[in-house]
Amino acid sequence: IFRDMARNKVESNTITFNTTISACGKDSEWENASQLFAGMAQVKAANDTITFNATVSAFAKGRTWEKALQLLRRMAQGKVELKLITCSAAISACEKGYEWKQALQLLAQMML
């Protein structure tokens, strides 16, 4: 997609990445969502709350709870505001991975 965009001189930006990551998540393509997230730095597109939400949701649908929690920690350490929807997606990833202890820990942290 992004090669076609570059060939047609369409700028890759945060919005186009967010939309594509979200589409990957809806199709359970967490690997592609992860690659897109990582590729944003190469084109100097900024990660925002929507980027993190979409990527964590993709990880949840892909049952990759470890990656969802890693991204959540990265979000908390960075300058991106941690949102309820992102935490909920991470809890969902834990639930789908049968990691109920992790889900409860995350829920407890949210309550603080």
Protein backbone atom coordinates (compact mmCIF):
# COMPACT_ATOMS: atom_id res chain seq x y z
CA ILE A 1 0.00 0.00 0.00
CA PHE A 2 2.67 2.47 1.06
CA ARG A 3 4.84 1.70 -1.97
CA ASP A 4 1.86 2.50 -4.19
CA MET A 5 1.29 5.68 -2.22
CA ALA A 6 4.92 6.75 -2.65
CA ARG A 7 4.84 5.91 -6.36
CA ASN A 8 1.73 8.12 -6.73
CA LYS A 9 3.28 10.83 -4.54
CA VAL A 10 0.72 10.43 -1.76
CA GLU A 11 2.23 11.30 1.62
CA SER A 12 2.40 8.62 4.31
CA ASN A 13 1.44 10.22 7.61
CA THR A 14 0.04 9.32 11.00
CA ILE A 15 -3.53 9.19 9.68
CA THR A 16 -2.74 6.83 6.82
CA PHE A 17 -0.74 4.58 9.15
CA ASN A 18 -3.49 4.57 11.78
CA THR A 19 -6.11 3.66 9.20
CA THR A 20 -4.00 0.84 7.79
CA ILE A 21 -3.04 -0.53 11.22
CA SER A 22 -6.71 -0.49 12.20
CA ALA A 23 -7.65 -2.38 9.03
CA CYS A 24 -4.95 -4.98 9.76
CA GLY A 25 -6.32 -5.40 13.27
CA LYS A 26 -9.85 -5.96 12.02
CA ASP A 27 -8.52 -8.70 9.75
CA SER A 28 -6.44 -10.30 12.56
CA GLU A 29 -3.22 -9.36 10.76
CA TRP A 30 -1.29 -8.42 13.90
CA GLU A 31 2.08 -9.07 12.26
CA ASN A 32 1.36 -6.50 9.56
CA ALA A 33 0.05 -4.05 12.15
CA SER A 34 3.25 -4.50 14.14
CA GLN A 35 5.42 -3.92 11.05
CA LEU A 36 3.46 -0.81 10.15
CA PHE A 37 3.81 0.52 13.70
CA ALA A 38 7.57 -0.04 13.55
CA GLY A 39 7.78 1.47 10.07
CA MET A 40 6.29 4.77 11.14
CA ALA A 41 9.67 5.96 12.42
CA GLN A 42 11.25 5.38 9.00
CA VAL A 43 8.95 7.94 7.39
CA LYS A 44 8.94 10.18 10.46
CA ALA A 45 5.23 9.68 11.14
CA ALA A 46 4.38 10.31 14.78
CA ASN A 47 2.72 7.68 16.96
CA ASP A 48 -0.38 8.99 18.69
CA THR A 49 -3.04 7.54 20.95
CA ILE A 50 -4.95 6.17 17.96
CA THR A 51 -1.82 4.42 16.70
CA PHE A 52 -1.31 2.68 20.04
CA ASN A 53 -5.02 1.83 20.36
CA ALA A 54 -5.14 0.28 16.90
CA THR A 55 -1.93 -1.69 17.38
CA VAL A 56 -2.84 -3.01 20.84
CA SER A 57 -6.27 -3.99 19.47
CA ALA A 58 -4.57 -5.85 16.60
CA PHE A 59 -2.43 -7.71 19.14
CA ALA A 60 -5.55 -8.57 21.12
CA LYS A 61 -7.25 -10.04 18.07
CA GLY A 62 -4.07 -11.95 17.29
CA ARG A 63 -3.93 -13.33 20.83
CA THR A 64 -0.47 -11.88 21.36
CA TRP A 65 -0.91 -10.58 24.87
CA GLU A 66 2.83 -10.20 25.48
CA LYS A 67 3.17 -7.74 22.60
CA ALA A 68 0.07 -5.86 23.74
CA LEU A 69 1.53 -5.40 27.22
CA GLN A 70 4.94 -4.39 25.83
CA LEU A 71 3.28 -1.72 23.73
CA LEU A 72 1.18 -0.56 26.65
CA ARG A 73 4.35 -0.14 28.75
CA ARG A 74 5.99 1.74 25.90
CA MET A 75 2.99 4.02 25.71
CA ALA A 76 3.09 4.66 29.45
CA GLN A 77 6.82 5.49 29.29
CA GLY A 78 6.42 7.81 26.32
CA LYS A 79 4.63 11.03 25.74
CA VAL A 80 1.39 9.42 24.60
CA GLU A 81 -1.53 9.61 27.01
CA LEU A 82 -2.65 6.21 28.28
CA LYS A 83 -6.35 5.83 27.48
CA LEU A 84 -9.01 3.52 28.86
CA ILE A 85 -9.65 2.00 25.43
CA THR A 86 -5.98 0.99 25.10
CA CYS A 87 -5.96 -0.60 28.55
CA SER A 88 -9.20 -2.42 27.74
CA ALA A 89 -7.69 -3.79 24.52
CA ALA A 90 -4.65 -5.00 26.48
CA ILE A 91 -6.92 -6.69 29.04
CA SER A 92 -8.76 -8.32 26.14
CA ALA A 93 -5.44 -9.59 24.77
CA CYS A 94 -4.64 -11.12 28.16
CA GLU A 95 -8.09 -12.70 28.34
CA LYS A 96 -7.72 -14.23 24.88
CA GLY A 97 -4.32 -15.57 25.87
CA TYR A 98 -5.74 -17.09 29.07
CA GLU A 99 -3.52 -14.77 31.11
CA TRP A 100 -6.12 -13.83 33.68
CA LYS A 101 -3.51 -12.86 36.30
CA GLN A 102 -2.01 -10.33 33.89
CA ALA A 103 -5.50 -9.03 33.11
CA LEU A 104 -6.28 -8.58 36.80
CA GLN A 105 -2.98 -6.81 37.42
CA LEU A 106 -3.67 -4.43 34.59
CA LEU A 107 -7.19 -3.79 35.85
CA ALA A 108 -5.82 -3.07 39.33
CA GLN A 109 -3.32 -0.59 37.86
CA MET A 110 -6.12 1.15 36.00
CA MET A 111 -8.04 1.61 39.25
CA LEU A 112 -5.18 3.59 40.87
